[in-house]
Amino acid sequence: MFTTWFTYAPNATGSGASGQRWYSISGNYAPGSLDVLGAVIYNNTGGNFDAQPPTVGQPIGTADIHIQGCYSARLDYHFNDGRTGQIPLERLTANTICLP
């Protein structure tokens, strides 16, 4: 499983590019499972869109994704600095293979 996450620095520190955070999350998904546990959150820096050089990813925490049905899921995140939280996720595209 691979996903990306764009957000801002804690407490909106910094402005413009210095306040932006580009994270990627990578973990193992077992077919038929409703959970992806212990996926690694990386803070990605540098790089260019569709060109060299690639970004550099620094591990900064872990994430668990809990699929709650065909239309929703929940991301639980745990940063190495002690910050934790949950983000509800909602399907944005048409459902073509999931059966409720």
PDB file of N, CA and C in Angstrom:
ATOM      1  N   MET A   1       0.848  -1.146   0.000  1.00  0.00           N
ATOM      2  CA  MET A   1       0.000   0.000   0.000  1.00  0.00           C
ATOM      3  C   MET A   1       0.904   1.222   0.000  1.00  0.00           C
ATOM      4  N   PHE A   2       0.569   2.185  -0.851  1.00  0.00           N
ATOM      5  CA  PHE A   2       1.320   3.435  -0.911  1.00  0.00           C
ATOM      6  C   PHE A   2       0.331   4.580  -1.008  1.00  0.00           C
ATOM      7  N   THR A   3       0.558   5.612  -0.234  1.00  0.00           N
ATOM      8  CA  THR A   3      -0.284   6.794  -0.300  1.00  0.00           C
ATOM      9  C   THR A   3       0.553   8.035  -0.016  1.00  0.00           C
ATOM     10  N   THR A   4       0.038   9.184  -0.394  1.00  0.00           N
ATOM     11  CA  THR A   4       0.722  10.442  -0.113  1.00  0.00           C
ATOM     12  C   THR A   4      -0.170  11.310   0.758  1.00  0.00           C
ATOM     13  N   TRP A   5       0.462  12.272   1.430  1.00  0.00           N
ATOM     14  CA  TRP A   5      -0.248  13.125   2.370  1.00  0.00           C
ATOM     15  C   TRP A   5       0.405  14.494   2.333  1.00  0.00           C
ATOM     16  N   PHE A   6      -0.368  15.507   1.956  1.00  0.00           N
ATOM     17  CA  PHE A   6       0.125  16.881   1.977  1.00  0.00           C
ATOM     18  C   PHE A   6      -0.508  17.591   3.149  1.00  0.00           C
ATOM     19  N   THR A   7       0.305  18.275   3.956  1.00  0.00           N
ATOM     20  CA  THR A   7      -0.205  19.004   5.113  1.00  0.00           C
ATOM     21  C   THR A   7       0.724  20.177   5.399  1.00  0.00           C
ATOM     22  N   TYR A   8       0.555  20.776   6.549  1.00  0.00           N
ATOM     23  CA  TYR A   8       1.392  21.910   6.943  1.00  0.00           C
ATOM     24  C   TYR A   8       2.104  21.598   8.250  1.00  0.00           C
ATOM     25  N   ALA A   9       3.141  22.352   8.536  1.00  0.00           N
ATOM     26  CA  ALA A   9       3.930  22.171   9.754  1.00  0.00           C
ATOM     27  C   ALA A   9       3.040  22.338  10.986  1.00  0.00           C
ATOM     28  N   PRO A  10       3.426  21.713  12.118  1.00  0.00           N
ATOM     29  CA  PRO A  10       2.650  21.875  13.358  1.00  0.00           C
ATOM     30  C   PRO A  10       2.483  23.354  13.704  1.00  0.00           C
ATOM     31  N   ASN A  11       1.320  23.721  14.179  1.00  0.00           N
ATOM     32  CA  ASN A  11       1.011  25.093  14.589  1.00  0.00           C
ATOM     33  C   ASN A  11       1.214  26.087  13.453  1.00  0.00           C
ATOM     34  N   ALA A  12       1.099  25.626  12.203  1.00  0.00           N
ATOM     35  CA  ALA A  12       1.262  26.478  11.018  1.00  0.00           C
ATOM     36  C   ALA A  12       2.593  27.220  11.020  1.00  0.00           C
ATOM     37  N   THR A  13       3.643  26.580  11.522  1.00  0.00           N
ATOM     38  CA  THR A  13       4.970  27.177  11.544  1.00  0.00           C
ATOM     39  C   THR A  13       5.485  27.368  10.132  1.00  0.00           C
ATOM     40  N   GLY A  14       6.016  28.544   9.856  1.00  0.00           N
ATOM     41  CA  GLY A  14       6.568  28.815   8.535  1.00  0.00           C
ATOM     42  C   GLY A  14       5.483  29.199   7.550  1.00  0.00           C
ATOM     43  N   SER A  15       5.892  29.814   6.482  1.00  0.00           N
ATOM     44  CA  SER A  15       4.939  30.173   5.444  1.00  0.00           C
ATOM     45  C   SER A  15       5.514  29.752   4.105  1.00  0.00           C
ATOM     46  N   GLY A  16       4.673  29.632   3.124  1.00  0.00           N
ATOM     47  CA  GLY A  16       5.133  29.195   1.817  1.00  0.00           C
ATOM     48  C   GLY A  16       5.692  27.788   1.886  1.00  0.00           C
ATOM     49  N   ALA A  17       6.710  27.534   1.086  1.00  0.00           N
ATOM     50  CA  ALA A  17       7.292  26.192   0.994  1.00  0.00           C
ATOM     51  C   ALA A  17       7.853  25.710   2.330  1.00  0.00           C
ATOM     52  N   SER A  18       8.356  26.602   3.179  1.00  0.00           N
ATOM     53  CA  SER A  18       8.951  26.165   4.456  1.00  0.00           C
ATOM     54  C   SER A  18       7.915  25.603   5.424  1.00  0.00           C
ATOM     55  N   GLY A  19       6.646  25.941   5.243  1.00  0.00           N
ATOM     56  CA  GLY A  19       5.601  25.417   6.115  1.00  0.00           C
ATOM     57  C   GLY A  19       4.900  24.195   5.564  1.00  0.00           C
ATOM     58  N   GLN A  20       5.213  23.803   4.343  1.00  0.00           N
ATOM     59  CA  GLN A  20       4.560  22.653   3.719  1.00  0.00           C
ATOM     60  C   GLN A  20       5.227  21.347   4.152  1.00  0.00           C
ATOM     61  N   ARG A  21       4.421  20.308   4.263  1.00  0.00           N
ATOM     62  CA  ARG A  21       4.931  18.973   4.573  1.00  0.00           C
ATOM     63  C   ARG A  21       4.370  17.996   3.555  1.00  0.00           C
ATOM     64  N   TRP A  22       5.263  17.259   2.916  1.00  0.00           N
ATOM     65  CA  TRP A  22       4.893  16.232   1.948  1.00  0.00           C
ATOM     66  C   TRP A  22       5.295  14.884   2.542  1.00  0.00           C
ATOM     67  N   TYR A  23       4.315  14.109   2.920  1.00  0.00           N
ATOM     68  CA  TYR A  23       4.566  12.796   3.505  1.00  0.00           C
ATOM     69  C   TYR A  23       4.169  11.710   2.511  1.00  0.00           C
ATOM     70  N   SER A  24       4.823  10.583   2.615  1.00  0.00           N
ATOM     71  CA  SER A  24       4.384   9.381   1.911  1.00  0.00           C
ATOM     72  C   SER A  24       4.280   8.282   2.943  1.00  0.00           C
ATOM     73  N   ILE A  25       3.381   7.350   2.699  1.00  0.00           N
ATOM     74  CA  ILE A  25       3.148   6.241   3.627  1.00  0.00           C
ATOM     75  C   ILE A  25       3.241   4.951   2.823  1.00  0.00           C
ATOM     76  N   SER A  26       4.028   4.013   3.324  1.00  0.00           N
ATOM     77  CA  SER A  26       4.230   2.746   2.633  1.00  0.00           C
ATOM     78  C   SER A  26       4.122   1.601   3.633  1.00  0.00           C
ATOM     79  N   GLY A  27       3.290   0.607   3.299  1.00  0.00           N
ATOM     80  CA  GLY A  27       3.129  -0.538   4.184  1.00  0.00           C
ATOM     81  C   GLY A  27       2.609  -1.742   3.429  1.00  0.00           C
ATOM     82  N   ASN A  28       2.545  -2.860   4.122  1.00  0.00           N
ATOM     83  CA  ASN A  28       2.095  -4.116   3.518  1.00  0.00           C
ATOM     84  C   ASN A  28       0.597  -4.299   3.706  1.00  0.00           C
ATOM     85  N   TYR A  29      -0.073  -4.656   2.609  1.00  0.00           N
ATOM     86  CA  TYR A  29      -1.499  -4.954   2.630  1.00  0.00           C
ATOM     87  C   TYR A  29      -1.688  -6.415   2.265  1.00  0.00           C
ATOM     88  N   ALA A  30      -2.407  -7.136   3.108  1.00  0.00           N
ATOM     89  CA  ALA A  30      -2.729  -8.538   2.824  1.00  0.00           C
ATOM     90  C   ALA A  30      -4.115  -8.586   2.186  1.00  0.00           C
ATOM     91  N   PRO A  31      -4.242  -9.149   0.986  1.00  0.00           N
ATOM     92  CA  PRO A  31      -5.551  -9.233   0.336  1.00  0.00           C
ATOM     93  C   PRO A  31      -6.609  -9.805   1.273  1.00  0.00           C
ATOM     94  N   GLY A  32      -7.754  -9.135   1.319  1.00  0.00           N
ATOM     95  CA  GLY A  32      -8.854  -9.559   2.173  1.00  0.00           C
ATOM     96  C   GLY A  32      -8.833  -8.939   3.558  1.00  0.00           C
ATOM     97  N   SER A  33      -7.729  -8.327   3.936  1.00  0.00           N
ATOM     98  CA  SER A  33      -7.621  -7.703   5.255  1.00  0.00           C
ATOM     99  C   SER A  33      -8.338  -6.365   5.267  1.00  0.00           C
ATOM    100  N   LEU A  34      -8.778  -5.923   6.434  1.00  0.00           N
ATOM    101  CA  LEU A  34      -9.388  -4.612   6.586  1.00  0.00           C
ATOM    102  C   LEU A  34      -8.435  -3.621   7.244  1.00  0.00           C
ATOM    103  N   ASP A  35      -7.183  -4.023   7.451  1.00  0.00           N
ATOM    104  CA  ASP A  35      -6.218  -3.152   8.123  1.00  0.00           C
ATOM    105  C   ASP A  35      -4.857  -3.205   7.446  1.00  0.00           C
ATOM    106  N   VAL A  36      -4.182  -2.065   7.438  1.00  0.00           N
ATOM    107  CA  VAL A  36      -2.765  -1.982   7.103  1.00  0.00           C
ATOM    108  C   VAL A  36      -2.117  -1.445   8.370  1.00  0.00           C
ATOM    109  N   LEU A  37      -1.318  -2.256   9.026  1.00  0.00           N
ATOM    110  CA  LEU A  37      -0.753  -1.885  10.326  1.00  0.00           C
ATOM    111  C   LEU A  37       0.746  -1.643  10.222  1.00  0.00           C
ATOM    112  N   GLY A  38       1.232  -0.640  10.948  1.00  0.00           N
ATOM    113  CA  GLY A  38       2.666  -0.381  11.021  1.00  0.00           C
ATOM    114  C   GLY A  38       3.291   0.151   9.748  1.00  0.00           C
ATOM    115  N   ALA A  39       2.507   0.792   8.887  1.00  0.00           N
ATOM    116  CA  ALA A  39       3.075   1.397   7.679  1.00  0.00           C
ATOM    117  C   ALA A  39       4.006   2.537   8.100  1.00  0.00           C
ATOM    118  N   VAL A  40       5.049   2.774   7.343  1.00  0.00           N
ATOM    119  CA  VAL A  40       6.032   3.803   7.678  1.00  0.00           C
ATOM    120  C   VAL A  40       5.632   5.129   7.036  1.00  0.00           C
ATOM    121  N   ILE A  41       5.658   6.206   7.841  1.00  0.00           N
ATOM    122  CA  ILE A  41       5.435   7.563   7.331  1.00  0.00           C
ATOM    123  C   ILE A  41       6.795   8.177   7.050  1.00  0.00           C
ATOM    124  N   TYR A  42       6.976   8.695   5.844  1.00  0.00           N
ATOM    125  CA  TYR A  42       8.224   9.362   5.449  1.00  0.00           C
ATOM    126  C   TYR A  42       7.957  10.848   5.221  1.00  0.00           C
ATOM    127  N   ASN A  43       8.877  11.688   5.659  1.00  0.00           N
ATOM    128  CA  ASN A  43       8.859  13.109   5.318  1.00  0.00           C
ATOM    129  C   ASN A  43       9.706  13.260   4.065  1.00  0.00           C
ATOM    130  N   ASN A  44       9.087  13.687   2.973  1.00  0.00           N
ATOM    131  CA  ASN A  44       9.780  13.782   1.689  1.00  0.00           C
ATOM    132  C   ASN A  44      10.218  15.220   1.422  1.00  0.00           C
ATOM    133  N   THR A  45      11.480  15.382   1.062  1.00  0.00           N
ATOM    134  CA  THR A  45      12.021  16.710   0.768  1.00  0.00           C
ATOM    135  C   THR A  45      12.789  16.667  -0.544  1.00  0.00           C
ATOM    136  N   GLY A  46      12.963  17.848  -1.144  1.00  0.00           N
ATOM    137  CA  GLY A  46      13.706  17.948  -2.393  1.00  0.00           C
ATOM    138  C   GLY A  46      12.919  17.383  -3.556  1.00  0.00           C
ATOM    139  N   GLY A  47      13.609  17.175  -4.651  1.00  0.00           N
ATOM    140  CA  GLY A  47      12.994  16.581  -5.825  1.00  0.00           C
ATOM    141  C   GLY A  47      12.273  17.577  -6.701  1.00  0.00           C
ATOM    142  N   ASN A  48      11.818  17.086  -7.837  1.00  0.00           N
ATOM    143  CA  ASN A  48      11.064  17.859  -8.817  1.00  0.00           C
ATOM    144  C   ASN A  48       9.910  17.017  -9.310  1.00  0.00           C
ATOM    145  N   PHE A  49       8.875  17.676  -9.791  1.00  0.00           N
ATOM    146  CA  PHE A  49       7.739  16.952 -10.338  1.00  0.00           C
ATOM    147  C   PHE A  49       8.117  16.337 -11.679  1.00  0.00           C
ATOM    148  N   ASP A  50       7.998  15.023 -11.782  1.00  0.00           N
ATOM    149  CA  ASP A  50       8.226  14.290 -13.028  1.00  0.00           C
ATOM    150  C   ASP A  50       9.614  14.543 -13.636  1.00  0.00           C
ATOM    151  N   ALA A  51      10.606  14.739 -12.774  1.00  0.00           N
ATOM    152  CA  ALA A  51      11.972  14.982 -13.250  1.00  0.00           C
ATOM    153  C   ALA A  51      12.956  14.649 -12.128  1.00  0.00           C
ATOM    154  N   GLN A  52      14.220  14.554 -12.478  1.00  0.00           N
ATOM    155  CA  GLN A  52      15.280  14.331 -11.497  1.00  0.00           C
ATOM    156  C   GLN A  52      15.545  15.634 -10.754  1.00  0.00           C
ATOM    157  N   PRO A  53      16.040  15.613  -9.558  1.00  0.00           N
ATOM    158  CA  PRO A  53      16.333  14.455  -8.727  1.00  0.00           C
ATOM    159  C   PRO A  53      15.080  13.965  -8.001  1.00  0.00           C
ATOM    160  N   PRO A  54      15.105  12.705  -7.545  1.00  0.00           N
ATOM    161  CA  PRO A  54      13.977  12.189  -6.769  1.00  0.00           C
ATOM    162  C   PRO A  54      13.959  12.812  -5.369  1.00  0.00           C
ATOM    163  N   THR A  55      12.824  12.713  -4.698  1.00  0.00           N
ATOM    164  CA  THR A  55      12.755  13.202  -3.327  1.00  0.00           C
ATOM    165  C   THR A  55      13.553  12.295  -2.407  1.00  0.00           C
ATOM    166  N   VAL A  56      13.861  12.812  -1.234  1.00  0.00           N
ATOM    167  CA  VAL A  56      14.530  12.036  -0.190  1.00  0.00           C
ATOM    168  C   VAL A  56      13.516  11.830   0.927  1.00  0.00           C
ATOM    169  N   GLY A  57      13.287  10.577   1.319  1.00  0.00           N
ATOM    170  CA  GLY A  57      12.317  10.261   2.360  1.00  0.00           C
ATOM    171  C   GLY A  57      12.999   9.885   3.661  1.00  0.00           C
ATOM    172  N   GLN A  58      12.638  10.592   4.740  1.00  0.00           N
ATOM    173  CA  GLN A  58      13.162  10.317   6.084  1.00  0.00           C
ATOM    174  C   GLN A  58      12.032   9.723   6.918  1.00  0.00           C
ATOM    175  N   PRO A  59      12.195   8.501   7.483  1.00  0.00           N
ATOM    176  CA  PRO A  59      11.132   7.924   8.313  1.00  0.00           C
ATOM    177  C   PRO A  59      10.866   8.807   9.543  1.00  0.00           C
ATOM    178  N   ILE A  60       9.589   9.133   9.768  1.00  0.00           N
ATOM    179  CA  ILE A  60       9.247   9.997  10.900  1.00  0.00           C
ATOM    180  C   ILE A  60       8.114   9.447  11.753  1.00  0.00           C
ATOM    181  N   GLY A  61       7.609   8.261  11.441  1.00  0.00           N
ATOM    182  CA  GLY A  61       6.532   7.698  12.246  1.00  0.00           C
ATOM    183  C   GLY A  61       5.912   6.494  11.595  1.00  0.00           C
ATOM    184  N   THR A  62       4.770   6.086  12.138  1.00  0.00           N
ATOM    185  CA  THR A  62       4.034   4.943  11.603  1.00  0.00           C
ATOM    186  C   THR A  62       2.559   5.303  11.457  1.00  0.00           C
ATOM    187  N   ALA A  63       1.879   4.520  10.649  1.00  0.00           N
ATOM    188  CA  ALA A  63       0.448   4.733  10.417  1.00  0.00           C
ATOM    189  C   ALA A  63      -0.266   3.392  10.345  1.00  0.00           C
ATOM    190  N   ASP A  64      -1.511   3.406  10.785  1.00  0.00           N
ATOM    191  CA  ASP A  64      -2.411   2.268  10.639  1.00  0.00           C
ATOM    192  C   ASP A  64      -3.618   2.755   9.849  1.00  0.00           C
ATOM    193  N   ILE A  65      -4.021   1.986   8.852  1.00  0.00           N
ATOM    194  CA  ILE A  65      -5.223   2.323   8.089  1.00  0.00           C
ATOM    195  C   ILE A  65      -6.245   1.223   8.348  1.00  0.00           C
ATOM    196  N   HIS A  66      -7.436   1.654   8.763  1.00  0.00           N
ATOM    197  CA  HIS A  66      -8.523   0.732   9.083  1.00  0.00           C
ATOM    198  C   HIS A  66      -9.652   0.967   8.090  1.00  0.00           C
ATOM    199  N   ILE A  67      -9.891  -0.021   7.229  1.00  0.00           N
ATOM    200  CA  ILE A  67     -10.966   0.085   6.243  1.00  0.00           C
ATOM    201  C   ILE A  67     -12.275  -0.230   6.958  1.00  0.00           C
ATOM    202  N   GLN A  68     -13.215   0.711   6.878  1.00  0.00           N
ATOM    203  CA  GLN A  68     -14.472   0.572   7.616  1.00  0.00           C
ATOM    204  C   GLN A  68     -15.633   0.175   6.725  1.00  0.00           C
ATOM    205  N   GLY A  69     -15.386   0.049   5.444  1.00  0.00           N
ATOM    206  CA  GLY A  69     -16.431  -0.331   4.499  1.00  0.00           C
ATOM    207  C   GLY A  69     -16.028   0.107   3.104  1.00  0.00           C
ATOM    208  N   CYS A  70     -16.949   0.015   2.168  1.00  0.00           N
ATOM    209  CA  CYS A  70     -16.657   0.358   0.780  1.00  0.00           C
ATOM    210  C   CYS A  70     -16.441   1.851   0.576  1.00  0.00           C
ATOM    211  N   TYR A  71     -16.880   2.672   1.514  1.00  0.00           N
ATOM    212  CA  TYR A  71     -16.858   4.113   1.291  1.00  0.00           C
ATOM    213  C   TYR A  71     -16.049   4.897   2.323  1.00  0.00           C
ATOM    214  N   SER A  72     -15.506   4.238   3.336  1.00  0.00           N
ATOM    215  CA  SER A  72     -14.774   4.992   4.354  1.00  0.00           C
ATOM    216  C   SER A  72     -13.665   4.157   4.981  1.00  0.00           C
ATOM    217  N   ALA A  73     -12.715   4.879   5.549  1.00  0.00           N
ATOM    218  CA  ALA A  73     -11.591   4.277   6.266  1.00  0.00           C
ATOM    219  C   ALA A  73     -11.097   5.297   7.287  1.00  0.00           C
ATOM    220  N   ARG A  74     -10.140   4.910   8.106  1.00  0.00           N
ATOM    221  CA  ARG A  74      -9.562   5.811   9.096  1.00  0.00           C
ATOM    222  C   ARG A  74      -8.053   5.630   9.104  1.00  0.00           C
ATOM    223  N   LEU A  75      -7.336   6.749   9.106  1.00  0.00           N
ATOM    224  CA  LEU A  75      -5.879   6.752   9.218  1.00  0.00           C
ATOM    225  C   LEU A  75      -5.519   7.151  10.642  1.00  0.00           C
ATOM    226  N   ASP A  76      -4.834   6.283  11.358  1.00  0.00           N
ATOM    227  CA  ASP A  76      -4.282   6.597  12.679  1.00  0.00           C
ATOM    228  C   ASP A  76      -2.795   6.821  12.502  1.00  0.00           C
ATOM    229  N   TYR A  77      -2.296   7.993  12.920  1.00  0.00           N
ATOM    230  CA  TYR A  77      -0.875   8.276  12.743  1.00  0.00           C
ATOM    231  C   TYR A  77      -0.175   8.466  14.082  1.00  0.00           C
ATOM    232  N   HIS A  78       1.110   8.116  14.085  1.00  0.00           N
ATOM    233  CA  HIS A  78       1.943   8.163  15.285  1.00  0.00           C
ATOM    234  C   HIS A  78       3.316   8.667  14.858  1.00  0.00           C
ATOM    235  N   PHE A  79       3.591   9.956  15.116  1.00  0.00           N
ATOM    236  CA  PHE A  79       4.890  10.509  14.758  1.00  0.00           C
ATOM    237  C   PHE A  79       5.905  10.204  15.848  1.00  0.00           C
ATOM    238  N   ASN A  80       7.164  10.080  15.463  1.00  0.00           N
ATOM    239  CA  ASN A  80       8.236   9.768  16.412  1.00  0.00           C
ATOM    240  C   ASN A  80       8.390  10.826  17.498  1.00  0.00           C
ATOM    241  N   ASP A  81       7.923  12.069  17.253  1.00  0.00           N
ATOM    242  CA  ASP A  81       8.041  13.135  18.252  1.00  0.00           C
ATOM    243  C   ASP A  81       6.899  13.123  19.263  1.00  0.00           C
ATOM    244  N   GLY A  82       6.016  12.111  19.193  1.00  0.00           N
ATOM    245  CA  GLY A  82       4.937  11.964  20.166  1.00  0.00           C
ATOM    246  C   GLY A  82       3.564  12.411  19.678  1.00  0.00           C
ATOM    247  N   ARG A  83       3.489  13.123  18.565  1.00  0.00           N
ATOM    248  CA  ARG A  83       2.188  13.537  18.041  1.00  0.00           C
ATOM    249  C   ARG A  83       1.434  12.329  17.489  1.00  0.00           C
ATOM    250  N   THR A  84       0.144  12.270  17.782  1.00  0.00           N
ATOM    251  CA  THR A  84      -0.720  11.204  17.275  1.00  0.00           C
ATOM    252  C   THR A  84      -2.049  11.820  16.855  1.00  0.00           C
ATOM    253  N   GLY A  85      -2.796  11.084  16.079  1.00  0.00           N
ATOM    254  CA  GLY A  85      -4.119  11.548  15.697  1.00  0.00           C
ATOM    255  C   GLY A  85      -4.794  10.592  14.747  1.00  0.00           C
ATOM    256  N   GLN A  86      -6.003  10.969  14.368  1.00  0.00           N
ATOM    257  CA  GLN A  86      -6.800  10.180  13.446  1.00  0.00           C
ATOM    258  C   GLN A  86      -7.357  11.090  12.358  1.00  0.00           C
ATOM    259  N   ILE A  87      -7.448  10.560  11.145  1.00  0.00           N
ATOM    260  CA  ILE A  87      -8.033  11.286  10.027  1.00  0.00           C
ATOM    261  C   ILE A  87      -9.060  10.373   9.369  1.00  0.00           C
ATOM    262  N   PRO A  88     -10.336  10.794   9.336  1.00  0.00           N
ATOM    263  CA  PRO A  88     -11.325   9.995   8.612  1.00  0.00           C
ATOM    264  C   PRO A  88     -11.083  10.120   7.110  1.00  0.00           C
ATOM    265  N   LEU A  89     -11.220   9.028   6.388  1.00  0.00           N
ATOM    266  CA  LEU A  89     -11.020   9.009   4.941  1.00  0.00           C
ATOM    267  C   LEU A  89     -12.323   8.617   4.271  1.00  0.00           C
ATOM    268  N   GLU A  90     -12.590   9.217   3.119  1.00  0.00           N
ATOM    269  CA  GLU A  90     -13.825   8.963   2.396  1.00  0.00           C
ATOM    270  C   GLU A  90     -13.528   8.722   0.921  1.00  0.00           C
ATOM    271  N   ARG A  91     -14.182   7.733   0.330  1.00  0.00           N
ATOM    272  CA  ARG A  91     -14.012   7.421  -1.096  1.00  0.00           C
ATOM    273  C   ARG A  91     -14.475   8.608  -1.930  1.00  0.00           C
ATOM    274  N   LEU A  92     -13.657   8.983  -2.915  1.00  0.00           N
ATOM    275  CA  LEU A  92     -13.996  10.094  -3.796  1.00  0.00           C
ATOM    276  C   LEU A  92     -14.391   9.647  -5.198  1.00  0.00           C
ATOM    277  N   THR A  93     -14.077   8.411  -5.540  1.00  0.00           N
ATOM    278  CA  THR A  93     -14.363   7.921  -6.881  1.00  0.00           C
ATOM    279  C   THR A  93     -15.449   6.854  -6.831  1.00  0.00           C
ATOM    280  N   ALA A  94     -15.975   6.520  -7.980  1.00  0.00           N
ATOM    281  CA  ALA A  94     -17.034   5.518  -8.052  1.00  0.00           C
ATOM    282  C   ALA A  94     -16.526   4.170  -7.545  1.00  0.00           C
ATOM    283  N   ASN A  95     -17.401   3.452  -6.875  1.00  0.00           N
ATOM    284  CA  ASN A  95     -17.092   2.117  -6.387  1.00  0.00           C
ATOM    285  C   ASN A  95     -17.298   1.122  -7.526  1.00  0.00           C
ATOM    286  N   THR A  96     -16.246   0.434  -7.935  1.00  0.00           N
ATOM    287  CA  THR A  96     -16.379  -0.504  -9.052  1.00  0.00           C
ATOM    288  C   THR A  96     -16.189  -1.969  -8.655  1.00  0.00           C
ATOM    289  N   ILE A  97     -15.590  -2.220  -7.486  1.00  0.00           N
ATOM    290  CA  ILE A  97     -15.337  -3.624  -7.126  1.00  0.00           C
ATOM    291  C   ILE A  97     -15.736  -3.980  -5.702  1.00  0.00           C
ATOM    292  N   CYS A  98     -15.976  -3.011  -4.842  1.00  0.00           N
ATOM    293  CA  CYS A  98     -16.271  -3.281  -3.442  1.00  0.00           C
ATOM    294  C   CYS A  98     -17.757  -3.624  -3.275  1.00  0.00           C
ATOM    295  N   LEU A  99     -18.023  -4.683  -2.548  1.00  0.00           N
ATOM    296  CA  LEU A  99     -19.404  -5.066  -2.244  1.00  0.00           C
ATOM    297  C   LEU A  99     -19.663  -4.801  -0.769  1.00  0.00           C
ATOM    298  N   PRO A 100     -20.676  -3.982  -0.455  1.00  0.00           N
ATOM    299  CA  PRO A 100     -20.973  -3.641   0.954  1.00  0.00           C
ATOM    300  C   PRO A 100     -21.306  -4.858   1.786  1.00  0.00           C
TER     301      PRO A 100
END
